[in-house]
Amino acid sequence: MQDSFIVKAEPTFIKWCPSNDPAKKIVTAIIGGKQIIHVDTPTQKSVIVSFAAAYGRVINYDWFGEDHLIVGFEKGIIAFISVHPDSMGQEKFTVNVGPSGPIDCFVLCIEHQKLAVAQAGVVKFYSTSDWTE
């Protein structure tokens, strides 16, 4: 059984890392709409990943493999973030899906290498190999 941990703001969208390694027990969550916490549950070591204020609040995120997160923001930005220990929190790519307002939702399909993003009544599809629409 894992110990609990306390965060300084409301946690939402708690997700486990999709690892095939049974020893890798990582959990993440949006904290207060502004940061993502990354917790190694066996050791209780945590890292808070913060983002540029210009992106606005974090709307949602999803794991992309074991070492990256795709994060959607209210200002229409999708960011590809490393959570690998050697590059924790580094922004690898960003996509501006448009100034039409916040991202409503997105879904990632590893099998098809596609990201579908809904914003202001439009769904756009992006390739996860080169991040083009």
C-alpha atoms as a PDB file:
ATOM      1  CA  MET A   1       0.000   0.000   0.000  1.00  0.00           C
ATOM      2  CA  GLN A   2       1.252   3.492  -0.879  1.00  0.00           C
ATOM      3  CA  ASP A   3       1.323   6.398   1.533  1.00  0.00           C
ATOM      4  CA  SER A   4      -0.780   9.474   0.828  1.00  0.00           C
ATOM      5  CA  PHE A   5       0.663  12.824  -0.085  1.00  0.00           C
ATOM      6  CA  ILE A   6      -0.604  16.358   0.489  1.00  0.00           C
ATOM      7  CA  VAL A   7      -0.729  19.075  -2.162  1.00  0.00           C
ATOM      8  CA  LYS A   8      -1.149  22.835  -1.716  1.00  0.00           C
ATOM      9  CA  ALA A   9      -4.142  23.270  -4.065  1.00  0.00           C
ATOM     10  CA  GLU A  10      -7.002  21.200  -5.459  1.00  0.00           C
ATOM     11  CA  PRO A  11      -5.744  18.153  -7.400  1.00  0.00           C
ATOM     12  CA  THR A  12      -7.650  17.150 -10.545  1.00  0.00           C
ATOM     13  CA  PHE A  13      -7.218  14.592 -13.326  1.00  0.00           C
ATOM     14  CA  ILE A  14      -5.081  12.156 -11.348  1.00  0.00           C
ATOM     15  CA  LYS A  15      -3.446   9.640 -13.721  1.00  0.00           C
ATOM     16  CA  TRP A  16      -1.018   6.739 -13.439  1.00  0.00           C
ATOM     17  CA  CYS A  17       1.966   6.484 -15.783  1.00  0.00           C
ATOM     18  CA  PRO A  18       1.243   3.862 -18.470  1.00  0.00           C
ATOM     19  CA  SER A  19       4.431   1.891 -17.810  1.00  0.00           C
ATOM     20  CA  ASN A  20       5.014  -1.760 -18.575  1.00  0.00           C
ATOM     21  CA  ASP A  21       7.583  -1.810 -15.783  1.00  0.00           C
ATOM     22  CA  PRO A  22       5.858  -3.004 -12.574  1.00  0.00           C
ATOM     23  CA  ALA A  23       8.461  -1.152 -10.479  1.00  0.00           C
ATOM     24  CA  LYS A  24       7.585   2.218 -12.066  1.00  0.00           C
ATOM     25  CA  LYS A  25       4.694   3.592 -10.011  1.00  0.00           C
ATOM     26  CA  ILE A  26       4.333   7.226 -11.042  1.00  0.00           C
ATOM     27  CA  VAL A  27       1.181   9.267 -10.527  1.00  0.00           C
ATOM     28  CA  THR A  28       0.484  12.771 -11.864  1.00  0.00           C
ATOM     29  CA  ALA A  29      -2.236  15.364 -11.271  1.00  0.00           C
ATOM     30  CA  ILE A  30      -3.094  18.938 -12.156  1.00  0.00           C
ATOM     31  CA  ILE A  31      -2.641  21.116  -9.061  1.00  0.00           C
ATOM     32  CA  GLY A  32      -4.746  24.256  -8.800  1.00  0.00           C
ATOM     33  CA  GLY A  33      -5.094  24.484 -12.583  1.00  0.00           C
ATOM     34  CA  LYS A  34      -1.570  25.889 -12.860  1.00  0.00           C
ATOM     35  CA  GLN A  35       0.914  23.070 -12.301  1.00  0.00           C
ATOM     36  CA  ILE A  36       1.304  19.312 -12.647  1.00  0.00           C
ATOM     37  CA  ILE A  37       2.713  17.245  -9.823  1.00  0.00           C
ATOM     38  CA  HIS A  38       4.738  14.124 -10.688  1.00  0.00           C
ATOM     39  CA  VAL A  39       5.057  11.656  -7.783  1.00  0.00           C
ATOM     40  CA  ASP A  40       7.131   8.490  -7.582  1.00  0.00           C
ATOM     41  CA  THR A  41       4.817   6.700  -5.153  1.00  0.00           C
ATOM     42  CA  PRO A  42       7.277   4.159  -3.686  1.00  0.00           C
ATOM     43  CA  THR A  43       9.767   6.873  -2.708  1.00  0.00           C
ATOM     44  CA  GLN A  44       7.249   9.748  -2.296  1.00  0.00           C
ATOM     45  CA  LYS A  45       9.635  11.959  -4.305  1.00  0.00           C
ATOM     46  CA  SER A  46       7.671  14.612  -6.130  1.00  0.00           C
ATOM     47  CA  VAL A  47       8.360  17.291  -8.700  1.00  0.00           C
ATOM     48  CA  ILE A  48       6.058  20.211  -9.486  1.00  0.00           C
ATOM     49  CA  VAL A  49       6.084  21.213 -13.152  1.00  0.00           C
ATOM     50  CA  SER A  50       5.060  24.843 -13.770  1.00  0.00           C
ATOM     51  CA  PHE A  51       4.138  26.462 -17.071  1.00  0.00           C
ATOM     52  CA  ALA A  52       4.297  29.881 -18.726  1.00  0.00           C
ATOM     53  CA  ALA A  53       1.592  32.171 -17.331  1.00  0.00           C
ATOM     54  CA  ALA A  54       0.783  33.236 -20.915  1.00  0.00           C
ATOM     55  CA  TYR A  55      -0.653  29.733 -21.569  1.00  0.00           C
ATOM     56  CA  GLY A  56      -3.395  30.209 -18.982  1.00  0.00           C
ATOM     57  CA  ARG A  57      -4.799  27.459 -16.803  1.00  0.00           C
ATOM     58  CA  VAL A  58      -4.144  23.786 -17.457  1.00  0.00           C
ATOM     59  CA  ILE A  59      -7.342  22.297 -18.905  1.00  0.00           C
ATOM     60  CA  ASN A  60      -6.268  18.663 -19.276  1.00  0.00           C
ATOM     61  CA  TYR A  61      -3.272  16.441 -19.957  1.00  0.00           C
ATOM     62  CA  ASP A  62      -2.451  12.911 -21.016  1.00  0.00           C
ATOM     63  CA  TRP A  63       0.562  10.652 -20.908  1.00  0.00           C
ATOM     64  CA  PHE A  64       2.529  10.185 -24.145  1.00  0.00           C
ATOM     65  CA  GLY A  65       4.574   7.083 -23.460  1.00  0.00           C
ATOM     66  CA  GLU A  66       6.306   6.794 -20.097  1.00  0.00           C
ATOM     67  CA  ASP A  67       8.369   9.972 -20.236  1.00  0.00           C
ATOM     68  CA  HIS A  68       6.192  12.718 -21.730  1.00  0.00           C
ATOM     69  CA  LEU A  69       2.930  14.534 -21.116  1.00  0.00           C
ATOM     70  CA  ILE A  70       0.721  16.384 -23.575  1.00  0.00           C
ATOM     71  CA  VAL A  71      -0.825  19.349 -21.767  1.00  0.00           C
ATOM     72  CA  GLY A  72      -3.734  21.512 -22.993  1.00  0.00           C
ATOM     73  CA  PHE A  73      -4.187  25.103 -21.808  1.00  0.00           C
ATOM     74  CA  GLU A  74      -7.038  27.591 -21.770  1.00  0.00           C
ATOM     75  CA  LYS A  75      -5.283  29.971 -24.190  1.00  0.00           C
ATOM     76  CA  GLY A  76      -5.340  27.408 -27.028  1.00  0.00           C
ATOM     77  CA  ILE A  77      -1.858  25.957 -26.492  1.00  0.00           C
ATOM     78  CA  ILE A  78      -0.927  22.275 -26.480  1.00  0.00           C
ATOM     79  CA  ALA A  79       2.522  21.577 -24.988  1.00  0.00           C
ATOM     80  CA  PHE A  80       4.609  18.409 -25.168  1.00  0.00           C
ATOM     81  CA  ILE A  81       6.476  18.167 -21.839  1.00  0.00           C
ATOM     82  CA  SER A  82       9.232  15.798 -20.726  1.00  0.00           C
ATOM     83  CA  VAL A  83       8.878  14.053 -17.379  1.00  0.00           C
ATOM     84  CA  HIS A  84      12.033  11.996 -17.855  1.00  0.00           C
ATOM     85  CA  PRO A  85      14.320  12.436 -14.818  1.00  0.00           C
ATOM     86  CA  ASP A  86      17.106  13.953 -16.968  1.00  0.00           C
ATOM     87  CA  SER A  87      14.835  16.570 -18.577  1.00  0.00           C
ATOM     88  CA  MET A  88      11.936  16.933 -16.120  1.00  0.00           C
ATOM     89  CA  GLY A  89       9.583  19.767 -17.032  1.00  0.00           C
ATOM     90  CA  GLN A  90      11.295  20.697 -20.291  1.00  0.00           C
ATOM     91  CA  GLU A  91       8.954  21.848 -23.030  1.00  0.00           C
ATOM     92  CA  LYS A  92       9.772  19.902 -26.205  1.00  0.00           C
ATOM     93  CA  PHE A  93       7.107  21.325 -28.568  1.00  0.00           C
ATOM     94  CA  THR A  94       4.101  23.605 -28.468  1.00  0.00           C
ATOM     95  CA  VAL A  95       1.179  23.887 -30.864  1.00  0.00           C
ATOM     96  CA  ASN A  96      -1.126  26.892 -30.955  1.00  0.00           C
ATOM     97  CA  VAL A  97      -4.470  25.409 -31.987  1.00  0.00           C
ATOM     98  CA  GLY A  98      -5.987  28.850 -32.430  1.00  0.00           C
ATOM     99  CA  PRO A  99      -7.077  31.989 -30.629  1.00  0.00           C
ATOM    100  CA  SER A 100     -10.726  30.868 -30.524  1.00  0.00           C
ATOM    101  CA  GLY A 101     -10.679  30.430 -26.760  1.00  0.00           C
ATOM    102  CA  PRO A 102      -9.875  27.593 -24.421  1.00  0.00           C
ATOM    103  CA  ILE A 103      -9.312  24.045 -25.499  1.00  0.00           C
ATOM    104  CA  ASP A 104     -12.487  22.148 -24.650  1.00  0.00           C
ATOM    105  CA  CYS A 105     -10.851  18.730 -24.616  1.00  0.00           C
ATOM    106  CA  PHE A 106      -8.378  16.537 -26.448  1.00  0.00           C
ATOM    107  CA  VAL A 107      -7.688  12.858 -26.889  1.00  0.00           C
ATOM    108  CA  LEU A 108      -4.493  11.099 -27.861  1.00  0.00           C
ATOM    109  CA  CYS A 109      -4.320   7.872 -29.893  1.00  0.00           C
ATOM    110  CA  ILE A 110      -0.851   6.321 -29.796  1.00  0.00           C
ATOM    111  CA  GLU A 111      -1.874   3.601 -32.272  1.00  0.00           C
ATOM    112  CA  HIS A 112      -2.866   6.133 -34.973  1.00  0.00           C
ATOM    113  CA  GLN A 113      -0.221   8.690 -33.934  1.00  0.00           C
ATOM    114  CA  LYS A 114      -2.910  11.376 -33.759  1.00  0.00           C
ATOM    115  CA  LEU A 115      -4.055  14.025 -31.324  1.00  0.00           C
ATOM    116  CA  ALA A 116      -7.630  15.306 -31.691  1.00  0.00           C
ATOM    117  CA  VAL A 117      -8.281  18.731 -30.154  1.00  0.00           C
ATOM    118  CA  ALA A 118     -11.743  20.280 -29.677  1.00  0.00           C
ATOM    119  CA  GLN A 119     -11.983  24.057 -29.477  1.00  0.00           C
ATOM    120  CA  ALA A 120     -14.935  26.389 -30.129  1.00  0.00           C
ATOM    121  CA  GLY A 121     -17.001  23.806 -32.036  1.00  0.00           C
ATOM    122  CA  VAL A 122     -14.107  22.603 -34.214  1.00  0.00           C
ATOM    123  CA  VAL A 123     -12.100  19.377 -33.909  1.00  0.00           C
ATOM    124  CA  LYS A 124      -8.577  19.516 -35.317  1.00  0.00           C
ATOM    125  CA  PHE A 125      -6.258  16.545 -35.836  1.00  0.00           C
ATOM    126  CA  TYR A 126      -2.489  16.690 -35.344  1.00  0.00           C
ATOM    127  CA  SER A 127       0.165  14.131 -36.205  1.00  0.00           C
ATOM    128  CA  THR A 128       2.215  13.150 -33.154  1.00  0.00           C
ATOM    129  CA  SER A 129       5.223  12.465 -35.367  1.00  0.00           C
ATOM    130  CA  ASP A 130       5.690  16.089 -36.519  1.00  0.00           C
ATOM    131  CA  TRP A 131       2.847  18.010 -34.786  1.00  0.00           C
ATOM    132  CA  THR A 132       1.337  19.255 -38.049  1.00  0.00           C
ATOM    133  CA  GLU A 133      -2.398  19.615 -38.564  1.00  0.00           C
END
